[in-house]
Protein backbone atom coordinates (compact mmCIF):
# COMPACT_ATOMS: atom_id res chain seq x y z
CA MET A 1 99.33 82.26 118.89
CA SER A 2 95.68 83.61 119.18
CA GLU A 3 95.07 85.99 116.41
CA PHE A 4 95.91 88.74 118.22
CA VAL A 5 99.23 87.54 120.30
CA VAL A 6 102.24 88.61 118.10
CA HIS A 7 104.58 87.82 121.24
CA ASN A 8 104.40 86.69 124.11
CA LEU A 9 107.44 86.97 126.48
CA GLU A 10 108.93 86.69 129.64
CA LEU A 11 112.32 88.24 130.41
CA ASP A 12 114.62 86.40 132.24
CA GLY A 13 116.39 89.12 132.95
CA GLU A 14 119.75 88.11 131.89
CA GLY A 15 119.74 89.29 128.11
CA GLY A 16 116.96 85.87 127.18
CA ALA A 17 113.51 85.52 127.15
CA THR A 18 110.76 82.60 126.85
CA SER A 19 107.60 82.16 124.24
CA LEU A 20 104.57 81.50 126.54
CA PRO A 21 101.51 80.61 125.19
CA SER A 22 98.09 82.80 123.97
CA SER A 23 96.62 81.13 126.99
CA ASP A 24 98.68 81.97 129.15
CA LEU A 25 98.23 86.25 128.86
CA PRO A 26 97.99 87.36 132.01
CA LYS A 27 95.20 88.61 133.56
CA THR A 28 95.94 91.13 135.93
CA LEU A 29 98.68 93.71 135.94
CA PRO A 30 102.35 91.99 136.52
CA ILE A 31 103.86 93.29 139.74
CA GLN A 32 106.95 91.54 139.26
CA GLY A 33 109.39 89.58 136.64
CA CYS A 34 109.22 91.24 133.31
CA ARG A 35 106.56 90.33 130.40
CA TRP A 36 106.22 91.66 127.01
CA VAL A 37 102.77 91.38 125.13
CA HIS A 38 102.82 92.46 121.51
CA ILE A 39 99.75 92.59 119.80
CA ASP A 40 97.80 93.41 116.42
CA CYS A 41 95.71 95.64 117.11
CA ARG A 42 94.27 95.56 114.61
CA GLU A 43 92.33 92.29 116.20
CA GLU A 44 89.28 93.07 118.29
CA LYS A 45 89.91 90.16 120.58
CA GLY A 46 92.72 92.18 121.38
CA ARG A 47 90.73 94.94 122.67
CA ASN A 48 88.46 92.77 124.57
CA TRP A 49 91.11 90.76 126.34
CA LEU A 50 92.78 94.57 127.20
CA SER A 51 90.24 95.72 129.02
CA SER A 52 89.47 92.53 130.61
CA LEU A 53 93.05 92.88 132.08
CA GLU A 54 92.41 94.26 135.76
CA GLY A 55 94.37 97.47 136.22
CA ILE A 56 94.89 98.81 133.22
CA PRO A 57 92.67 102.08 132.86
CA GLU A 58 90.45 102.36 129.60
CA THR A 59 91.72 105.18 128.43
CA VAL A 60 95.05 103.01 127.30
CA VAL A 61 92.71 100.87 125.63
CA GLU A 62 91.62 103.45 123.60
CA ALA A 63 95.30 104.89 123.26
CA LEU A 64 96.62 101.67 122.14
CA PHE A 65 94.10 100.70 119.50
CA ALA A 66 93.97 104.27 118.01
CA GLU A 67 93.45 104.40 114.09
CA GLU A 68 95.60 107.64 113.88
CA THR A 69 98.65 108.12 116.36
CA ARG A 70 101.60 111.11 116.76
CA PRO A 71 104.49 110.45 118.80
CA ARG A 72 104.19 111.47 122.16
CA THR A 73 104.90 110.73 125.70
CA ILE A 74 102.56 110.61 128.66
CA LYS A 75 101.10 108.81 132.22
CA MET A 76 98.59 106.77 132.28
CA GLY A 77 97.44 104.51 135.18
CA LYS A 78 100.20 103.35 136.75
CA GLY A 79 102.64 103.43 133.85
CA LEU A 80 103.77 105.54 130.35
CA LEU A 81 101.95 105.83 127.75
CA LEU A 82 105.03 106.23 124.61
CA THR A 83 103.58 106.61 121.43
CA LEU A 84 106.71 106.47 118.38
CA ARG A 85 106.99 106.12 114.57
CA GLY A 86 109.25 103.96 112.11
CA VAL A 87 110.90 104.12 109.08
CA ASN A 88 108.23 101.78 106.68
CA LEU A 89 110.69 98.90 105.39
CA ASN A 90 108.72 96.99 104.55
CA PRO A 91 108.59 94.87 101.18
CA GLU A 92 107.37 97.01 98.44
CA SER A 93 106.79 100.03 100.81
CA ASN A 94 107.37 103.68 100.88
CA PRO A 95 109.72 104.37 104.42
CA SER A 96 108.26 107.88 104.73
CA ASP A 97 105.13 105.93 105.28
CA MET A 98 105.93 105.16 109.05
CA VAL A 99 104.85 102.68 110.59
CA SER A 100 103.33 103.99 114.65
CA LEU A 101 103.65 101.25 117.11
CA ARG A 102 102.17 101.91 120.80
CA LEU A 103 103.63 101.04 124.57
CA TRP A 104 102.51 101.09 127.75
CA VAL A 105 104.84 100.57 130.03
CA THR A 106 105.31 99.94 133.63
CA PRO A 107 108.00 98.15 135.76
CA ASN A 108 107.48 94.92 135.37
CA PHE A 109 104.81 94.89 132.18
CA ILE A 110 104.82 96.10 128.42
CA ILE A 111 102.18 95.60 126.39
CA SER A 112 102.24 97.72 122.77
CA SER A 113 100.08 97.26 119.65
CA ARG A 114 100.82 97.32 116.47
CA ARG A 115 98.56 97.22 112.92
CA ARG A 116 101.69 97.09 110.30
CA ARG A 117 105.21 94.67 110.77
CA LEU A 118 108.10 97.36 112.00
CA LEU A 119 111.02 95.53 111.81
CA SER A 120 112.35 96.94 114.78
CA VAL A 121 110.15 95.29 117.84
CA GLN A 122 111.22 92.14 114.71
CA ASP A 123 115.40 93.00 116.00
CA VAL A 124 115.01 92.81 119.94
CA VAL A 125 112.50 90.14 119.52
CA ARG A 126 115.60 88.09 117.50
CA ASP A 127 117.86 89.51 120.28
CA LEU A 128 115.54 87.98 123.07
CA VAL A 129 115.52 84.35 121.13
CA ASN A 130 119.39 84.83 120.52
CA ASN A 131 120.00 85.72 124.64
CA GLU A 132 121.45 88.67 123.82
CA GLY A 133 118.58 91.05 124.10
CA PRO A 134 117.25 93.79 127.27
CA THR A 135 117.08 92.33 130.18
CA SER A 136 113.89 94.78 131.97
CA THR A 137 111.34 96.84 130.00
CA ALA A 138 113.44 100.14 130.74
CA ASP A 139 115.65 98.53 128.69
CA ILE A 140 113.40 97.28 125.83
CA VAL A 141 112.08 100.54 125.79
CA ALA A 142 115.05 102.34 125.33
CA THR A 143 116.84 99.33 122.98
CA LEU A 144 113.07 100.09 120.53
CA THR A 145 113.65 103.72 121.05
CA GLU A 146 117.54 103.61 119.88
CA THR A 147 116.68 100.91 117.08
CA LEU A 148 113.76 102.72 115.96
CA THR A 149 115.95 106.16 115.79
CA GLY A 150 118.68 104.42 113.99
CA ARG A 151 116.96 102.84 111.43
CA MET A 152 115.93 106.29 110.22
CA ALA A 153 119.72 107.74 108.94
CA LYS A 154 119.51 104.95 106.10
CA VAL A 155 116.06 106.60 104.94
CA ILE A 156 117.52 109.99 105.33
CA THR A 157 121.26 109.34 103.59
CA GLY A 158 119.29 108.07 100.94
CA LEU A 159 117.37 110.86 100.51
CA GLU A 160 119.78 113.32 100.29
CA ASP A 161 122.04 111.21 98.16
CA GLU A 162 119.23 111.45 95.49
CA LEU A 163 118.64 114.91 96.08
CA ALA A 164 122.41 115.21 95.08
CA ASP A 165 122.15 113.17 92.25
CA LEU A 166 119.11 115.39 90.98
CA GLU A 167 120.81 119.02 91.74
CA GLU A 168 123.70 117.57 89.71
CA SER A 169 120.98 116.20 86.40
CA ILE A 170 119.29 119.59 86.27
CA GLY A 171 122.32 121.76 86.14
CA GLU A 172 123.71 119.45 83.06
CA GLY A 173 119.47 120.22 81.77
CA ILE A 174 116.32 119.87 82.31
CA GLU A 175 115.09 116.00 81.51
CA VAL A 176 111.79 114.67 81.20
CA GLY A 177 111.41 112.93 84.70
CA GLN A 178 113.15 115.61 86.84
CA ARG A 179 110.28 117.52 87.90
CA ASP A 180 108.39 114.59 89.17
CA SER A 181 110.73 113.51 91.11
CA LEU A 182 111.50 115.89 92.55
CA VAL A 183 108.27 116.71 93.67
CA GLN A 184 108.08 113.36 95.43
CA ARG A 185 111.46 113.76 97.08
CA ARG A 186 109.75 116.79 98.12
CA LEU A 187 106.88 114.74 99.72
CA GLU A 188 108.98 112.44 100.98
CA THR A 189 110.60 114.81 103.34
CA ILE A 190 107.58 117.04 104.39
CA ARG A 191 105.76 113.70 105.71
CA LEU A 192 108.93 111.98 107.59
CA ARG A 193 109.61 115.60 109.52
CA ARG A 194 105.73 115.59 110.05
CA PHE A 195 105.72 112.87 112.27
CA LEU A 196 109.64 112.86 113.52
CA VAL A 197 109.24 116.91 115.03
CA PRO A 198 106.78 115.30 117.78
CA GLN A 199 108.98 112.12 118.02
CA LYS A 200 111.88 114.49 119.26
CA GLU A 201 109.30 116.17 121.71
CA ALA A 202 107.53 112.50 123.24
CA ILE A 203 111.70 111.01 123.14
CA ASN A 204 112.76 114.25 124.84
CA LYS A 205 110.31 113.56 127.67
CA LEU A 206 110.39 109.46 127.81
CA SER A 207 114.27 110.84 129.30
CA GLN A 208 112.77 112.66 132.19
CA GLU A 209 109.29 111.00 132.58
CA SER A 210 111.20 107.64 133.08
CA SER A 211 114.00 108.72 134.75
CA SER A 212 112.73 107.19 138.15
CA TRP A 213 113.09 103.49 136.60
CA MET A 214 115.64 103.65 134.41
CA THR A 215 119.09 103.08 134.66
CA VAL A 216 121.60 105.75 133.62
CA ASP A 217 122.96 103.68 130.55
CA GLN A 218 119.42 103.49 129.81
CA SER A 219 118.51 106.98 130.11
CA ALA A 220 121.14 108.05 128.24
CA GLN A 221 120.23 105.97 125.29
CA VAL A 222 117.39 107.38 125.33
CA GLN A 223 119.15 110.26 125.38
CA GLU A 224 121.33 109.81 122.32
CA ALA A 225 118.01 108.46 120.17
CA ALA A 226 116.55 111.98 121.02
CA ASN A 227 119.70 113.61 120.32
CA ASP A 228 119.78 111.81 117.35
CA ILE A 229 115.74 112.83 116.16
CA THR A 230 117.09 116.50 116.29
CA ARG A 231 120.11 115.77 113.88
CA TYR A 232 117.79 114.03 111.59
CA VAL A 233 115.04 117.11 111.79
CA GLU A 234 117.66 119.71 111.37
CA GLY A 235 118.59 117.02 107.79
CA LEU A 236 115.16 117.00 106.59
CA GLU A 237 114.92 120.84 107.30
CA SER A 238 117.61 121.44 105.23
CA LEU A 239 116.68 119.07 102.79
CA ARG A 240 112.98 120.92 103.18
CA GLU A 241 115.11 124.01 101.87
CA ARG A 242 117.16 122.45 98.77
CA CYS A 243 114.09 121.12 97.44
CA LEU A 244 112.46 125.09 97.06
CA LEU A 245 115.61 125.57 95.82
CA MET A 246 116.00 123.08 92.76
CA GLN A 247 111.64 123.66 92.05
CA GLU A 248 112.79 127.44 91.92
CA GLU A 249 115.96 126.65 89.79
CA PHE A 250 113.81 124.19 87.90
CA ALA A 251 111.02 127.19 86.96
CA ASN A 252 113.78 129.73 85.93
CA LEU A 253 115.49 126.97 83.74
CA GLN A 254 112.27 126.27 82.37
CA ALA A 255 111.60 130.07 81.54
CA GLU A 256 114.78 130.37 79.98
CA LYS A 257 113.89 128.34 77.96
CA MET A 258 110.79 129.11 77.11
CA ASN A 259 112.14 132.51 76.59
CA ALA A 260 115.02 131.49 74.42
CA ARG A 261 112.25 130.36 71.83
CA MET A 262 109.99 133.05 72.20
CA TYR A 263 112.91 135.37 70.93
CA VAL A 264 113.59 133.10 68.20
CA LEU A 265 110.59 133.37 67.47
CA SER A 266 109.84 137.06 67.34
CA ILE A 267 113.16 137.63 65.83
CA LEU A 268 111.76 134.91 62.57
CA SER A 269 108.44 137.24 62.50
CA GLY A 270 110.70 140.58 62.26
CA ILE A 271 112.15 139.36 59.82
CA PHE A 272 109.00 137.92 57.92
CA MET A 273 107.38 140.49 58.90
CA PRO A 274 108.64 143.34 56.25
CA LEU A 275 108.73 140.16 53.50
CA GLY A 276 104.78 139.19 54.04
CA PHE A 277 104.09 143.22 53.32
CA LEU A 278 105.78 142.51 50.40
CA THR A 279 104.25 139.23 48.92
CA GLY A 280 101.24 140.56 49.94
CA LEU A 281 101.05 143.67 48.51
CA PHE A 282 102.41 142.42 44.68
CA GLY A 283 100.02 139.42 44.57
CA ILE A 284 96.64 141.65 44.46
CA ASN A 285 96.37 140.72 40.81
CA ILE A 286 94.92 143.81 39.85
CA GLY A 287 96.56 145.79 36.44
CA GLY A 288 99.08 147.89 36.58
CA MET A 289 101.48 145.66 38.69
CA PRO A 290 105.41 146.31 37.43
CA GLY A 291 107.11 143.14 35.74
CA THR A 292 103.90 141.60 34.88
CA ASP A 293 105.27 141.74 31.22
CA SER A 294 108.33 140.61 31.90
CA SER A 295 109.72 136.81 32.50
CA ALA A 296 112.16 138.32 34.80
CA ALA A 297 110.40 139.76 37.20
CA PHE A 298 109.88 136.90 39.74
CA TRP A 299 113.44 136.00 39.81
CA LEU A 300 114.23 140.11 40.12
CA PHE A 301 111.77 140.26 43.15
CA CYS A 302 112.75 136.81 44.84
CA THR A 303 116.42 138.58 44.86
CA VAL A 304 114.99 141.58 46.35
CA LEU A 305 113.18 139.67 48.93
CA VAL A 306 116.45 137.75 50.22
CA VAL A 307 118.92 141.29 49.73
CA LEU A 308 115.72 142.55 52.19
CA GLY A 309 115.82 139.62 54.64
CA GLY A 310 119.45 139.57 54.78
CA GLY A 311 119.74 143.61 55.64
CA GLN A 312 117.17 142.75 57.95
CA PHE A 313 119.09 139.60 60.10
CA ILE A 314 122.76 142.10 59.64
CA LEU A 315 120.62 145.14 61.27
CA MET A 316 119.33 142.94 63.78
CA ARG A 317 122.55 141.39 64.66
CA ARG A 318 124.59 144.40 65.02
CA SER A 319 122.04 145.84 66.61
CA ARG A 320 122.34 143.51 69.54
CA TRP A 321 118.76 142.05 69.15
CA PHE A 322 120.15 138.68 69.28
C-alpha cells in the first residue's frame, strides 16, 4: 500500500470485499459498484491524490484533511460529508480523547480519512474480510455509525462505576488523591459530552439526509444509533451533576474537618488564656511576690493552675461549648 492508503477495498455486494493495490486507486468518481478508500490524512500525498480525483470538490478535500473537526453532516458536491467521533481505545490512550473519522459518501463511493487508528474501522474491515460485512456504501455508513456508538457504552458505564466507587469512598472519609480522581472524572465527562452533543445532531441529520439511498433497515440502524447517543448524553449530564454534588460534598467535608480542628484550638486557647496570664504575672521576678520565701509555694501554685484549668473545662462542658 501507498504511504497514505490504509485500506483500498472493492465490495462484492454480498458481505465481502477485495483489497486492491494502491496503484489501483480510482482516477474519477466511481458511478457503479461499491468502492471504499480509507486514507491517512497526515500524508500530503493523500491530499494530492484526492485533489486530482475528478468529481470531488475542493471543499470536500479541505474537510477531509482539516486539522480540527466537530461532528456534523452536510451535503457537499454529489455526496454527503459526515464527520464523527469515536472513543479512543488505542493502548495507553485516554478514551475521552476522542478520535475523528471523516467520510464523504456517494451511492457508489466512500472516501474516509483518519489521523489516528480507530478500532471501529478495523472491525468493519475484518467483517468484510470474513465475508460478513456491509454490502453497500449506505451499509458501511450505517455499520460504522452503529459500531462507533456501541463502543461508547463501555466507557460511559466505566465512568459511572468509577464515580459510584468514589462516592462511596468519600462517604467513608476523605483520603489522599480523591480530589484529583474526582477532577479527572469530571474532565473526562466534559470531553465526552463536548463531542457527543453535536454527534447526536449529526446522526439525526444523517438519518434524514440519507433516506433516499438507505434501506428501511439501514435508516433504522442509524436512528437507533442516534437514540443511543441521546441516552449517552443524558447519562453524561447525570454524571456531570453527580461530579458537582461530589465536589460540594468534598468541600463540605473539608470545611467540617477544618472547623473541628479550629474548634479544638479555640477550646485549648480558652483554657490556657487565664493560665498564661497567671504564669506571666508570677514570672515578673520583683520584690513583694507572694510565696518567694516558701518552698511549697511552687507546688501550691501548680495545684491552683490544675484546679483552675479543670474548673474551666467543666464550665465549658456544662455550657455545651463542645
